[in-house]
């Protein structure tokens, strides 16, 4: 499964990022691998649990 995410490196060397499906929820890592692990944890939490207030990005086709 591929999950799209956005990330950047801060001036202190930390990597910050978020899942594109959940752009309001950022996480970080000391390297890109740790960031991906943290993003995977967020994805599993947000998709396996019913958490009130979690905003999602979605698409629909206008006919």
C-alpha atoms as a PDB file:
ATOM      1  CA  UNK A   1       0.000   0.000   0.000  1.00  0.00           C
ATOM      2  CA  UNK A   2       1.308   3.451  -0.888  1.00  0.00           C
ATOM      3  CA  UNK A   3       0.428   6.426   1.281  1.00  0.00           C
ATOM      4  CA  UNK A   4       1.189   9.951   0.145  1.00  0.00           C
ATOM      5  CA  UNK A   5       2.760  12.386   2.561  1.00  0.00           C
ATOM      6  CA  UNK A   6       4.430  15.774   2.606  1.00  0.00           C
ATOM      7  CA  UNK A   7       7.666  16.404   4.476  1.00  0.00           C
ATOM      8  CA  UNK A   8      10.458  18.919   4.929  1.00  0.00           C
ATOM      9  CA  UNK A   9      13.692  19.270   6.855  1.00  0.00           C
ATOM     10  CA  UNK A  10      13.876  21.994   9.487  1.00  0.00           C
ATOM     11  CA  UNK A  11      16.957  24.113  10.204  1.00  0.00           C
ATOM     12  CA  UNK A  12      17.633  22.028  13.343  1.00  0.00           C
ATOM     13  CA  UNK A  13      17.870  18.872  11.203  1.00  0.00           C
ATOM     14  CA  UNK A  14      14.512  17.377  12.254  1.00  0.00           C
ATOM     15  CA  UNK A  15      12.152  16.048   9.595  1.00  0.00           C
ATOM     16  CA  UNK A  16       8.532  17.186   9.853  1.00  0.00           C
ATOM     17  CA  UNK A  17       5.634  15.863   7.835  1.00  0.00           C
ATOM     18  CA  UNK A  18       2.005  14.918   7.559  1.00  0.00           C
ATOM     19  CA  UNK A  19      -0.167  12.438   5.716  1.00  0.00           C
ATOM     20  CA  UNK A  20      -1.832  14.172   2.781  1.00  0.00           C
ATOM     21  CA  UNK A  21      -5.129  12.560   3.786  1.00  0.00           C
ATOM     22  CA  UNK A  22      -4.828  14.107   7.270  1.00  0.00           C
ATOM     23  CA  UNK A  23      -3.041  17.449   6.729  1.00  0.00           C
ATOM     24  CA  UNK A  24      -3.890  18.885  10.149  1.00  0.00           C
ATOM     25  CA  UNK A  25      -1.806  16.305  12.018  1.00  0.00           C
ATOM     26  CA  UNK A  26       1.944  16.686  11.787  1.00  0.00           C
ATOM     27  CA  UNK A  27       4.647  14.457  13.217  1.00  0.00           C
ATOM     28  CA  UNK A  28       8.430  14.485  13.226  1.00  0.00           C
ATOM     29  CA  UNK A  29      11.514  12.307  13.175  1.00  0.00           C
ATOM     30  CA  UNK A  30      15.256  12.651  13.600  1.00  0.00           C
ATOM     31  CA  UNK A  31      15.622  11.134  10.113  1.00  0.00           C
ATOM     32  CA  UNK A  32      13.316  10.266   7.213  1.00  0.00           C
ATOM     33  CA  UNK A  33      12.974   6.645   8.345  1.00  0.00           C
ATOM     34  CA  UNK A  34      11.750   7.655  11.800  1.00  0.00           C
ATOM     35  CA  UNK A  35       9.365  10.180  10.233  1.00  0.00           C
ATOM     36  CA  UNK A  36       7.872   7.442   8.035  1.00  0.00           C
ATOM     37  CA  UNK A  37       7.438   5.164  11.075  1.00  0.00           C
ATOM     38  CA  UNK A  38       5.615   7.938  12.931  1.00  0.00           C
ATOM     39  CA  UNK A  39       3.457   8.669   9.893  1.00  0.00           C
ATOM     40  CA  UNK A  40       2.578   4.968   9.634  1.00  0.00           C
ATOM     41  CA  UNK A  41       1.507   4.993  13.302  1.00  0.00           C
ATOM     42  CA  UNK A  42      -0.723   8.013  12.648  1.00  0.00           C
ATOM     43  CA  UNK A  43      -2.268   6.337   9.616  1.00  0.00           C
ATOM     44  CA  UNK A  44      -3.073   3.155  11.533  1.00  0.00           C
ATOM     45  CA  UNK A  45      -4.536   5.118  14.429  1.00  0.00           C
ATOM     46  CA  UNK A  46      -6.655   7.399  12.246  1.00  0.00           C
ATOM     47  CA  UNK A  47      -7.976   4.635  10.006  1.00  0.00           C
ATOM     48  CA  UNK A  48      -8.561   1.926  12.643  1.00  0.00           C
ATOM     49  CA  UNK A  49     -10.144   4.012  15.373  1.00  0.00           C
ATOM     50  CA  UNK A  50     -13.151   6.284  15.294  1.00  0.00           C
ATOM     51  CA  UNK A  51     -11.689   9.521  16.581  1.00  0.00           C
ATOM     52  CA  UNK A  52     -14.039  12.524  16.721  1.00  0.00           C
ATOM     53  CA  UNK A  53     -12.841  15.681  15.011  1.00  0.00           C
ATOM     54  CA  UNK A  54     -10.329  14.116  12.634  1.00  0.00           C
ATOM     55  CA  UNK A  55     -10.556  16.025   9.351  1.00  0.00           C
ATOM     56  CA  UNK A  56      -9.988  14.039   6.164  1.00  0.00           C
ATOM     57  CA  UNK A  57      -9.292  14.941   2.566  1.00  0.00           C
ATOM     58  CA  UNK A  58     -11.480  13.234  -0.024  1.00  0.00           C
ATOM     59  CA  UNK A  59     -12.558  13.532  -3.651  1.00  0.00           C
ATOM     60  CA  UNK A  60     -15.780  12.952  -5.533  1.00  0.00           C
ATOM     61  CA  UNK A  61     -16.697  13.023  -9.185  1.00  0.00           C
ATOM     62  CA  UNK A  62     -19.112  15.718 -10.253  1.00  0.00           C
ATOM     63  CA  UNK A  63     -21.455  14.333 -12.908  1.00  0.00           C
END
